[in-house]
N, C-alpha and C. Protein backbone atom coordinates (compact mmCIF):
# COMPACT_ATOMS: atom_id res chain seq x y z
N MET A 1 -14.80 -46.05 -16.58
CA MET A 1 -14.74 -46.63 -15.26
C MET A 1 -13.30 -46.73 -14.76
N HIS A 2 -12.32 -46.36 -15.61
CA HIS A 2 -10.90 -46.42 -15.26
C HIS A 2 -10.23 -45.14 -15.73
N PRO A 3 -9.03 -44.88 -15.25
CA PRO A 3 -8.32 -43.67 -15.67
C PRO A 3 -8.08 -43.66 -17.18
N MET A 4 -8.00 -42.44 -17.73
CA MET A 4 -7.68 -42.30 -19.15
C MET A 4 -6.32 -42.92 -19.42
N GLN A 5 -6.19 -43.49 -20.59
CA GLN A 5 -4.96 -44.13 -21.01
C GLN A 5 -4.35 -43.32 -22.15
N PRO A 6 -3.05 -43.50 -22.40
CA PRO A 6 -2.44 -42.79 -23.53
C PRO A 6 -3.08 -43.22 -24.85
N GLY A 7 -3.10 -42.33 -25.79
CA GLY A 7 -3.65 -42.64 -27.10
C GLY A 7 -4.78 -41.72 -27.47
N PRO A 8 -5.39 -41.95 -28.63
CA PRO A 8 -6.46 -41.07 -29.08
C PRO A 8 -7.67 -41.13 -28.13
N GLU A 9 -8.33 -40.00 -27.99
CA GLU A 9 -9.56 -39.94 -27.20
C GLU A 9 -10.75 -39.89 -28.15
N LYS A 10 -11.84 -40.52 -27.75
CA LYS A 10 -13.07 -40.50 -28.54
C LYS A 10 -13.53 -39.06 -28.71
N GLN A 11 -13.87 -38.69 -29.96
CA GLN A 11 -14.38 -37.36 -30.28
C GLN A 11 -15.66 -37.53 -31.11
N GLU A 12 -16.57 -36.62 -30.94
CA GLU A 12 -17.82 -36.65 -31.71
C GLU A 12 -17.51 -36.69 -33.20
N GLY A 13 -18.15 -37.64 -33.88
CA GLY A 13 -18.05 -37.73 -35.34
C GLY A 13 -16.79 -38.38 -35.87
N ASP A 14 -15.93 -38.93 -35.02
CA ASP A 14 -14.68 -39.52 -35.51
C ASP A 14 -14.88 -40.91 -36.11
N GLY A 15 -16.07 -41.49 -35.96
CA GLY A 15 -16.35 -42.81 -36.53
C GLY A 15 -15.68 -43.95 -35.80
N ARG A 16 -15.10 -43.68 -34.64
CA ARG A 16 -14.41 -44.71 -33.87
C ARG A 16 -15.24 -45.14 -32.66
N SER A 17 -15.02 -46.35 -32.25
CA SER A 17 -15.62 -46.83 -31.00
C SER A 17 -14.73 -46.37 -29.85
N PRO A 18 -15.33 -46.03 -28.72
CA PRO A 18 -14.50 -45.69 -27.56
C PRO A 18 -13.85 -46.96 -27.01
N ALA A 19 -12.70 -46.81 -26.39
CA ALA A 19 -12.01 -47.95 -25.78
C ALA A 19 -12.06 -47.80 -24.27
N GLY A 20 -12.28 -48.92 -23.59
CA GLY A 20 -12.30 -48.89 -22.13
C GLY A 20 -13.24 -49.92 -21.56
N VAL A 21 -13.58 -49.72 -20.29
CA VAL A 21 -14.55 -50.55 -19.58
C VAL A 21 -15.68 -49.61 -19.17
N PHE A 22 -16.90 -49.93 -19.59
CA PHE A 22 -18.02 -49.02 -19.44
C PHE A 22 -19.20 -49.68 -18.74
N ALA A 23 -19.90 -48.89 -17.93
CA ALA A 23 -21.18 -49.34 -17.37
C ALA A 23 -22.20 -49.43 -18.49
N LEU A 24 -23.27 -50.15 -18.24
CA LEU A 24 -24.35 -50.25 -19.21
C LEU A 24 -25.52 -49.39 -18.78
N GLY A 25 -26.18 -48.80 -19.75
CA GLY A 25 -27.38 -48.02 -19.49
C GLY A 25 -28.61 -48.84 -19.79
N ILE A 26 -29.63 -48.18 -20.24
CA ILE A 26 -30.90 -48.84 -20.53
C ILE A 26 -30.80 -49.74 -21.75
N ALA A 27 -31.69 -50.71 -21.82
CA ALA A 27 -31.97 -51.43 -23.05
C ALA A 27 -33.09 -50.67 -23.74
N PHE A 28 -33.14 -50.73 -25.05
CA PHE A 28 -34.16 -50.00 -25.80
C PHE A 28 -34.56 -50.80 -27.02
N GLY A 29 -35.67 -50.41 -27.60
CA GLY A 29 -36.09 -51.07 -28.83
C GLY A 29 -37.40 -50.54 -29.34
N TYR A 30 -37.86 -51.16 -30.42
CA TYR A 30 -39.08 -50.74 -31.08
C TYR A 30 -40.32 -51.34 -30.43
N ALA A 31 -40.19 -52.49 -29.79
CA ALA A 31 -41.34 -53.17 -29.18
C ALA A 31 -41.69 -52.55 -27.83
N GLU A 32 -42.89 -52.77 -27.38
CA GLU A 32 -43.35 -52.26 -26.08
C GLU A 32 -42.61 -52.92 -24.92
N SER A 33 -42.14 -54.15 -25.13
CA SER A 33 -41.40 -54.84 -24.07
C SER A 33 -40.39 -55.78 -24.72
N ALA A 34 -39.45 -56.23 -23.91
CA ALA A 34 -38.43 -57.17 -24.39
C ALA A 34 -38.00 -58.04 -23.23
N ASN A 35 -37.48 -59.21 -23.57
CA ASN A 35 -36.93 -60.10 -22.55
C ASN A 35 -35.54 -59.60 -22.21
N ALA A 36 -35.50 -58.58 -21.35
CA ALA A 36 -34.23 -57.95 -20.98
C ALA A 36 -34.19 -57.80 -19.48
N ARG A 37 -33.02 -58.06 -18.90
CA ARG A 37 -32.84 -57.88 -17.46
C ARG A 37 -32.35 -56.48 -17.13
N LEU A 38 -31.88 -55.74 -18.14
CA LEU A 38 -31.60 -54.31 -17.96
C LEU A 38 -32.95 -53.58 -18.00
N SER A 39 -33.00 -52.37 -17.49
CA SER A 39 -34.21 -51.57 -17.63
C SER A 39 -34.46 -51.35 -19.11
N TYR A 40 -35.66 -51.66 -19.57
CA TYR A 40 -36.00 -51.55 -20.99
C TYR A 40 -36.94 -50.37 -21.21
N VAL A 41 -36.65 -49.57 -22.24
CA VAL A 41 -37.47 -48.43 -22.59
C VAL A 41 -37.88 -48.57 -24.06
N PRO A 42 -39.18 -48.67 -24.33
CA PRO A 42 -39.61 -48.69 -25.74
C PRO A 42 -39.44 -47.31 -26.35
N MET A 43 -38.95 -47.26 -27.56
CA MET A 43 -38.72 -45.99 -28.25
C MET A 43 -39.91 -45.66 -29.14
N SER A 44 -40.19 -44.37 -29.25
CA SER A 44 -41.25 -43.89 -30.13
C SER A 44 -40.62 -43.02 -31.21
N ALA A 45 -41.43 -42.64 -32.18
CA ALA A 45 -40.93 -41.82 -33.29
C ALA A 45 -40.42 -40.46 -32.83
N SER A 46 -40.77 -40.04 -31.63
CA SER A 46 -40.33 -38.73 -31.14
C SER A 46 -39.10 -38.82 -30.24
N ASP A 47 -38.52 -40.01 -30.09
CA ASP A 47 -37.31 -40.18 -29.27
C ASP A 47 -36.06 -39.99 -30.12
N TRP A 48 -35.11 -39.22 -29.58
CA TRP A 48 -33.85 -38.92 -30.26
C TRP A 48 -32.72 -39.03 -29.25
N CYS A 49 -31.55 -39.44 -29.71
CA CYS A 49 -30.34 -39.30 -28.91
C CYS A 49 -29.63 -38.07 -29.48
N ILE A 50 -29.33 -37.13 -28.64
CA ILE A 50 -28.82 -35.84 -29.11
C ILE A 50 -27.30 -35.90 -29.32
N ASP A 51 -26.89 -35.72 -30.57
CA ASP A 51 -25.47 -35.71 -30.94
C ASP A 51 -24.99 -34.32 -31.33
N VAL A 52 -25.76 -33.31 -31.03
CA VAL A 52 -25.40 -31.92 -31.30
C VAL A 52 -24.53 -31.43 -30.15
N VAL A 53 -23.26 -31.18 -30.43
CA VAL A 53 -22.25 -30.91 -29.40
C VAL A 53 -22.63 -29.76 -28.48
N ASP A 54 -23.19 -28.69 -29.00
CA ASP A 54 -23.48 -27.54 -28.15
C ASP A 54 -24.87 -27.57 -27.52
N SER A 55 -25.57 -28.69 -27.63
CA SER A 55 -26.88 -28.82 -27.00
C SER A 55 -26.74 -29.14 -25.52
N PRO A 56 -27.57 -28.55 -24.66
CA PRO A 56 -27.56 -28.93 -23.25
C PRO A 56 -28.06 -30.36 -23.02
N LEU A 57 -28.61 -30.97 -24.06
CA LEU A 57 -29.10 -32.35 -23.98
C LEU A 57 -28.15 -33.35 -24.64
N TYR A 58 -26.93 -32.89 -24.93
CA TYR A 58 -25.93 -33.73 -25.61
C TYR A 58 -25.80 -35.09 -24.94
N ASN A 59 -25.77 -36.14 -25.76
CA ASN A 59 -25.56 -37.52 -25.34
C ASN A 59 -26.69 -38.04 -24.45
N GLN A 60 -27.87 -37.51 -24.62
CA GLN A 60 -29.03 -37.97 -23.86
C GLN A 60 -30.14 -38.39 -24.82
N ILE A 61 -30.87 -39.44 -24.45
CA ILE A 61 -32.05 -39.83 -25.20
C ILE A 61 -33.22 -39.03 -24.65
N VAL A 62 -33.87 -38.30 -25.54
CA VAL A 62 -34.96 -37.43 -25.12
C VAL A 62 -36.18 -37.64 -26.02
N ASP A 63 -37.33 -37.26 -25.53
CA ASP A 63 -38.57 -37.31 -26.28
C ASP A 63 -38.90 -35.89 -26.73
N ALA A 64 -38.98 -35.69 -28.03
CA ALA A 64 -39.26 -34.35 -28.57
C ALA A 64 -40.59 -33.80 -28.06
N ARG A 65 -41.51 -34.69 -27.69
CA ARG A 65 -42.79 -34.20 -27.14
C ARG A 65 -42.58 -33.53 -25.78
N ASP A 66 -41.50 -33.93 -25.07
CA ASP A 66 -41.20 -33.33 -23.76
C ASP A 66 -40.28 -32.12 -23.87
N VAL A 67 -39.29 -32.19 -24.76
CA VAL A 67 -38.28 -31.12 -24.82
C VAL A 67 -38.51 -30.13 -25.95
N GLY A 68 -39.40 -30.45 -26.87
CA GLY A 68 -39.70 -29.57 -28.00
C GLY A 68 -38.89 -29.93 -29.23
N LEU A 69 -39.44 -29.63 -30.39
CA LEU A 69 -38.77 -29.95 -31.66
C LEU A 69 -37.47 -29.18 -31.84
N ASP A 70 -37.41 -27.95 -31.33
CA ASP A 70 -36.17 -27.17 -31.44
C ASP A 70 -35.02 -27.86 -30.72
N ALA A 71 -35.30 -28.56 -29.64
CA ALA A 71 -34.25 -29.22 -28.85
C ALA A 71 -33.63 -30.40 -29.58
N VAL A 72 -34.36 -31.02 -30.51
CA VAL A 72 -33.81 -32.16 -31.25
C VAL A 72 -33.35 -31.75 -32.65
N ALA A 73 -33.55 -30.50 -33.02
CA ALA A 73 -33.15 -30.03 -34.35
C ALA A 73 -31.65 -30.23 -34.55
N GLY A 74 -31.30 -30.79 -35.68
CA GLY A 74 -29.89 -31.00 -36.02
C GLY A 74 -29.35 -32.35 -35.57
N SER A 75 -30.06 -33.06 -34.71
CA SER A 75 -29.59 -34.37 -34.27
C SER A 75 -29.74 -35.38 -35.41
N THR A 76 -28.76 -36.26 -35.52
CA THR A 76 -28.79 -37.28 -36.58
C THR A 76 -29.10 -38.67 -36.01
N GLU A 77 -29.57 -38.73 -34.75
CA GLU A 77 -29.78 -40.02 -34.10
C GLU A 77 -31.23 -40.25 -33.68
N PRO A 78 -32.14 -40.47 -34.64
CA PRO A 78 -33.49 -40.86 -34.24
C PRO A 78 -33.45 -42.27 -33.66
N MET A 79 -34.14 -42.48 -32.56
CA MET A 79 -34.14 -43.80 -31.94
C MET A 79 -35.10 -44.76 -32.63
N ARG A 80 -35.98 -44.24 -33.48
CA ARG A 80 -36.83 -45.09 -34.31
C ARG A 80 -36.35 -44.93 -35.75
N ARG A 81 -35.24 -45.59 -36.04
CA ARG A 81 -34.66 -45.51 -37.37
C ARG A 81 -35.60 -46.14 -38.41
N ASP A 82 -36.44 -47.06 -37.97
CA ASP A 82 -37.39 -47.66 -38.90
C ASP A 82 -38.37 -46.62 -39.44
N VAL A 83 -38.69 -45.62 -38.65
CA VAL A 83 -39.61 -44.55 -39.06
C VAL A 83 -38.88 -43.45 -39.82
N HIS A 84 -37.70 -43.07 -39.35
CA HIS A 84 -36.99 -41.90 -39.88
C HIS A 84 -35.94 -42.22 -40.94
N VAL A 85 -35.48 -43.48 -41.02
CA VAL A 85 -34.37 -43.82 -41.93
C VAL A 85 -34.73 -45.06 -42.76
N ASP A 86 -35.72 -44.90 -43.61
CA ASP A 86 -36.07 -45.92 -44.61
C ASP A 86 -36.23 -47.34 -44.05
N GLY A 87 -36.89 -47.49 -42.92
CA GLY A 87 -37.17 -48.82 -42.38
C GLY A 87 -36.00 -49.48 -41.68
N ASP A 88 -34.93 -48.74 -41.41
CA ASP A 88 -33.72 -49.28 -40.77
C ASP A 88 -34.07 -49.98 -39.45
N GLN A 89 -33.61 -51.21 -39.30
CA GLN A 89 -33.93 -52.02 -38.11
C GLN A 89 -32.80 -52.07 -37.08
N ARG A 90 -31.73 -51.30 -37.27
CA ARG A 90 -30.58 -51.42 -36.36
C ARG A 90 -30.91 -51.10 -34.91
N TYR A 91 -31.84 -50.20 -34.63
CA TYR A 91 -32.19 -49.87 -33.24
C TYR A 91 -33.44 -50.61 -32.78
N LYS A 92 -33.82 -51.65 -33.50
CA LYS A 92 -34.97 -52.47 -33.10
C LYS A 92 -34.76 -53.03 -31.70
N LEU A 93 -33.49 -53.25 -31.35
CA LEU A 93 -33.14 -53.79 -30.04
C LEU A 93 -31.68 -53.44 -29.76
N GLY A 94 -31.42 -52.95 -28.55
CA GLY A 94 -30.05 -52.59 -28.21
C GLY A 94 -29.95 -52.13 -26.77
N PHE A 95 -28.76 -51.64 -26.42
CA PHE A 95 -28.57 -51.05 -25.10
C PHE A 95 -27.51 -49.96 -25.17
N VAL A 96 -27.57 -49.07 -24.19
CA VAL A 96 -26.66 -47.94 -24.13
C VAL A 96 -25.34 -48.36 -23.49
N ILE A 97 -24.24 -47.94 -24.08
CA ILE A 97 -22.90 -48.11 -23.51
C ILE A 97 -22.53 -46.76 -22.91
N GLU A 98 -22.36 -46.70 -21.61
CA GLU A 98 -22.16 -45.43 -20.90
C GLU A 98 -20.70 -44.96 -20.99
N HIS A 99 -20.26 -44.63 -22.21
CA HIS A 99 -18.87 -44.20 -22.39
C HIS A 99 -18.64 -42.73 -22.01
N ASN A 100 -19.67 -41.92 -21.98
CA ASN A 100 -19.55 -40.50 -21.67
C ASN A 100 -20.68 -40.11 -20.70
N PRO A 101 -20.69 -40.71 -19.51
CA PRO A 101 -21.83 -40.49 -18.60
C PRO A 101 -21.98 -39.05 -18.11
N ALA A 102 -20.92 -38.26 -18.16
CA ALA A 102 -21.01 -36.85 -17.77
C ALA A 102 -21.51 -35.98 -18.92
N ASN A 103 -21.74 -36.58 -20.09
CA ASN A 103 -22.22 -35.87 -21.27
C ASN A 103 -21.31 -34.70 -21.65
N LYS A 104 -20.00 -34.93 -21.56
CA LYS A 104 -19.01 -33.90 -21.89
C LYS A 104 -19.12 -33.56 -23.38
N PRO A 105 -19.39 -32.31 -23.70
CA PRO A 105 -19.55 -31.92 -25.10
C PRO A 105 -18.34 -32.31 -25.96
N GLY A 106 -18.62 -32.97 -27.08
CA GLY A 106 -17.58 -33.33 -28.03
C GLY A 106 -16.87 -34.63 -27.75
N ALA A 107 -17.13 -35.25 -26.59
CA ALA A 107 -16.42 -36.47 -26.21
C ALA A 107 -17.06 -37.73 -26.78
N GLY A 108 -18.03 -37.57 -27.64
CA GLY A 108 -18.71 -38.72 -28.25
C GLY A 108 -20.06 -38.94 -27.61
N SER A 109 -21.03 -39.27 -28.46
CA SER A 109 -22.40 -39.44 -27.98
C SER A 109 -23.06 -40.65 -28.60
N CYS A 110 -24.11 -41.09 -27.95
CA CYS A 110 -25.01 -42.10 -28.52
C CYS A 110 -24.26 -43.36 -28.93
N ILE A 111 -23.44 -43.87 -28.02
CA ILE A 111 -22.73 -45.13 -28.28
C ILE A 111 -23.57 -46.27 -27.73
N PHE A 112 -23.95 -47.17 -28.62
CA PHE A 112 -24.85 -48.27 -28.28
C PHE A 112 -24.26 -49.60 -28.71
N ALA A 113 -24.82 -50.65 -28.17
CA ALA A 113 -24.74 -51.98 -28.78
C ALA A 113 -26.12 -52.14 -29.43
N HIS A 114 -26.15 -52.44 -30.72
CA HIS A 114 -27.41 -52.54 -31.45
C HIS A 114 -27.30 -53.61 -32.52
N LEU A 115 -28.35 -53.81 -33.25
CA LEU A 115 -28.35 -54.83 -34.31
C LEU A 115 -27.53 -54.35 -35.50
N TRP A 116 -26.92 -55.29 -36.18
CA TRP A 116 -26.19 -54.90 -37.38
C TRP A 116 -27.11 -54.97 -38.59
N SER A 117 -26.74 -54.20 -39.60
CA SER A 117 -27.48 -54.30 -40.86
C SER A 117 -26.93 -55.45 -41.68
N ALA A 118 -25.65 -55.77 -41.50
CA ALA A 118 -24.99 -56.92 -42.12
C ALA A 118 -23.69 -57.17 -41.34
N ALA A 119 -23.21 -58.39 -41.35
CA ALA A 119 -22.01 -58.75 -40.59
C ALA A 119 -20.79 -57.92 -40.98
N ASP A 120 -20.74 -57.47 -42.22
CA ASP A 120 -19.57 -56.72 -42.68
C ASP A 120 -19.84 -55.22 -42.81
N SER A 121 -20.93 -54.75 -42.22
CA SER A 121 -21.28 -53.34 -42.30
C SER A 121 -20.78 -52.61 -41.06
N PRO A 122 -19.95 -51.56 -41.25
CA PRO A 122 -19.40 -50.84 -40.09
C PRO A 122 -20.45 -49.96 -39.41
N THR A 123 -20.15 -49.55 -38.20
CA THR A 123 -20.98 -48.58 -37.49
C THR A 123 -20.19 -47.28 -37.38
N ALA A 124 -20.81 -46.26 -36.80
CA ALA A 124 -20.13 -44.97 -36.61
C ALA A 124 -19.51 -44.87 -35.22
N GLY A 125 -19.28 -46.00 -34.56
CA GLY A 125 -18.67 -46.01 -33.24
C GLY A 125 -19.34 -46.96 -32.27
N CYS A 126 -20.44 -47.54 -32.69
CA CYS A 126 -21.17 -48.49 -31.83
C CYS A 126 -20.64 -49.90 -32.02
N THR A 127 -21.22 -50.83 -31.28
CA THR A 127 -20.97 -52.25 -31.45
C THR A 127 -22.26 -52.87 -31.98
N ALA A 128 -22.15 -53.71 -32.98
CA ALA A 128 -23.35 -54.29 -33.59
C ALA A 128 -23.24 -55.80 -33.64
N MET A 129 -24.40 -56.43 -33.59
CA MET A 129 -24.46 -57.90 -33.62
C MET A 129 -25.77 -58.35 -34.25
N ALA A 130 -25.83 -59.64 -34.56
CA ALA A 130 -27.05 -60.22 -35.11
C ALA A 130 -28.15 -60.24 -34.04
N GLU A 131 -29.38 -60.16 -34.48
CA GLU A 131 -30.51 -60.10 -33.55
C GLU A 131 -30.56 -61.27 -32.57
N PRO A 132 -30.33 -62.52 -33.01
CA PRO A 132 -30.37 -63.61 -32.01
C PRO A 132 -29.33 -63.42 -30.90
N HIS A 133 -28.15 -62.90 -31.24
CA HIS A 133 -27.12 -62.66 -30.23
C HIS A 133 -27.54 -61.54 -29.28
N MET A 134 -28.16 -60.49 -29.82
CA MET A 134 -28.62 -59.39 -28.97
C MET A 134 -29.70 -59.89 -28.01
N ARG A 135 -30.63 -60.67 -28.51
CA ARG A 135 -31.70 -61.19 -27.64
C ARG A 135 -31.11 -62.06 -26.53
N GLU A 136 -30.16 -62.89 -26.88
CA GLU A 136 -29.50 -63.75 -25.89
C GLU A 136 -28.74 -62.90 -24.86
N THR A 137 -28.04 -61.89 -25.33
CA THR A 137 -27.28 -61.02 -24.43
C THR A 137 -28.19 -60.28 -23.47
N LEU A 138 -29.28 -59.70 -23.96
CA LEU A 138 -30.20 -58.95 -23.11
C LEU A 138 -30.90 -59.85 -22.09
N ALA A 139 -31.16 -61.10 -22.46
CA ALA A 139 -31.78 -62.03 -21.52
C ALA A 139 -30.77 -62.49 -20.46
N TRP A 140 -29.48 -62.44 -20.79
CA TRP A 140 -28.42 -62.92 -19.90
C TRP A 140 -27.93 -61.85 -18.93
N LEU A 141 -27.79 -60.62 -19.39
CA LEU A 141 -27.27 -59.54 -18.55
C LEU A 141 -28.17 -59.33 -17.33
N GLU A 142 -27.56 -59.18 -16.18
CA GLU A 142 -28.32 -58.95 -14.96
C GLU A 142 -27.99 -57.58 -14.39
N LEU A 143 -28.98 -56.70 -14.33
CA LEU A 143 -28.79 -55.35 -13.84
C LEU A 143 -28.19 -55.34 -12.44
N ASP A 144 -28.65 -56.22 -11.57
CA ASP A 144 -28.17 -56.26 -10.18
C ASP A 144 -26.71 -56.69 -10.08
N ALA A 145 -26.18 -57.31 -11.12
CA ALA A 145 -24.78 -57.74 -11.12
C ALA A 145 -23.83 -56.64 -11.60
N ASN A 146 -24.39 -55.46 -11.90
CA ASN A 146 -23.59 -54.34 -12.41
C ASN A 146 -22.72 -54.74 -13.59
N PRO A 147 -23.33 -55.20 -14.67
CA PRO A 147 -22.53 -55.63 -15.83
C PRO A 147 -21.77 -54.47 -16.45
N VAL A 148 -20.66 -54.80 -17.08
CA VAL A 148 -19.85 -53.80 -17.77
C VAL A 148 -19.61 -54.26 -19.20
N PHE A 149 -19.24 -53.30 -20.03
CA PHE A 149 -18.92 -53.55 -21.42
C PHE A 149 -17.44 -53.26 -21.59
N ILE A 150 -16.68 -54.26 -22.01
CA ILE A 150 -15.24 -54.10 -22.20
C ILE A 150 -14.97 -54.02 -23.70
N LEU A 151 -14.37 -52.93 -24.11
CA LEU A 151 -14.04 -52.74 -25.51
C LEU A 151 -12.62 -52.20 -25.59
N LEU A 152 -11.69 -53.09 -25.84
CA LEU A 152 -10.26 -52.74 -25.89
C LEU A 152 -9.58 -53.52 -27.00
N PRO A 153 -8.59 -52.92 -27.65
CA PRO A 153 -7.75 -53.72 -28.54
C PRO A 153 -7.05 -54.81 -27.72
N GLN A 154 -6.79 -55.95 -28.32
CA GLN A 154 -6.22 -57.09 -27.59
C GLN A 154 -4.95 -56.72 -26.83
N GLN A 155 -4.08 -55.95 -27.46
CA GLN A 155 -2.82 -55.58 -26.81
C GLN A 155 -3.08 -54.76 -25.53
N GLU A 156 -4.04 -53.84 -25.59
CA GLU A 156 -4.38 -53.04 -24.40
C GLU A 156 -5.07 -53.90 -23.35
N TYR A 157 -5.92 -54.81 -23.79
CA TYR A 157 -6.57 -55.73 -22.84
C TYR A 157 -5.51 -56.52 -22.09
N ASP A 158 -4.56 -57.07 -22.82
CA ASP A 158 -3.50 -57.86 -22.18
C ASP A 158 -2.68 -56.99 -21.22
N ARG A 159 -2.38 -55.77 -21.61
CA ARG A 159 -1.59 -54.87 -20.77
C ARG A 159 -2.32 -54.48 -19.49
N LEU A 160 -3.64 -54.28 -19.58
CA LEU A 160 -4.42 -53.77 -18.45
C LEU A 160 -5.14 -54.85 -17.65
N ARG A 161 -5.12 -56.09 -18.14
CA ARG A 161 -5.92 -57.16 -17.54
C ARG A 161 -5.70 -57.30 -16.04
N SER A 162 -4.50 -57.37 -15.61
CA SER A 162 -4.22 -57.56 -14.19
C SER A 162 -4.59 -56.33 -13.37
N ALA A 163 -4.14 -55.16 -13.80
CA ALA A 163 -4.40 -53.93 -13.04
C ALA A 163 -5.89 -53.61 -12.95
N TRP A 164 -6.64 -53.92 -13.99
CA TRP A 164 -8.07 -53.61 -14.00
C TRP A 164 -8.93 -54.81 -13.59
N HIS A 165 -8.29 -55.92 -13.25
CA HIS A 165 -8.99 -57.13 -12.80
C HIS A 165 -9.96 -57.64 -13.87
N LEU A 166 -9.49 -57.68 -15.11
CA LEU A 166 -10.29 -58.16 -16.21
C LEU A 166 -10.19 -59.68 -16.30
N PRO A 167 -11.20 -60.33 -16.82
CA PRO A 167 -11.15 -61.79 -16.92
C PRO A 167 -10.03 -62.28 -17.84
N ASP A 168 -9.50 -63.45 -17.53
CA ASP A 168 -8.50 -64.08 -18.38
C ASP A 168 -9.24 -64.77 -19.53
N LEU A 169 -9.09 -64.25 -20.72
CA LEU A 169 -9.83 -64.78 -21.88
C LEU A 169 -9.15 -65.99 -22.52
N SER A 170 -7.96 -66.35 -22.03
CA SER A 170 -7.26 -67.48 -22.62
C SER A 170 -7.80 -68.82 -22.13
N LYS A 171 -8.63 -68.79 -21.11
CA LYS A 171 -9.17 -70.04 -20.54
C LYS A 171 -10.39 -70.51 -21.28
């Protein structure tokens, strides 16, 4: 949502979270519905987020029943991790962080806020939290208010706060 800044750029597979201020996409999860003010989409076993750099569907959540199994081949991001990854509950509830809305190949894909497996367990570039915090966040966010996700190192936040009209966190 702001001009590129000096420093490393997010790249597919680098294991880093993108830095910046980002719009929010859909909320998603395993249940048919959720107490979410963002648009909520229930995920099925055939839903995938495509992390294959040369795919025309890169950085998009797609249903293999619509696009075909060949279109999701090679992707490592099943949206029903409980079905495909030994009962994993991390995507039971979450939302999309729109860090690469143009789906630029190689610029990073499938960045979400989702549930953590443990407080000290890293992600591959996403933001994770405990389920009660996610439920509270999804009930609080208002789509009509155009919420954003701010993810910056403290030094960069302080440097950009005034120019980007970011909230003063010292209060």
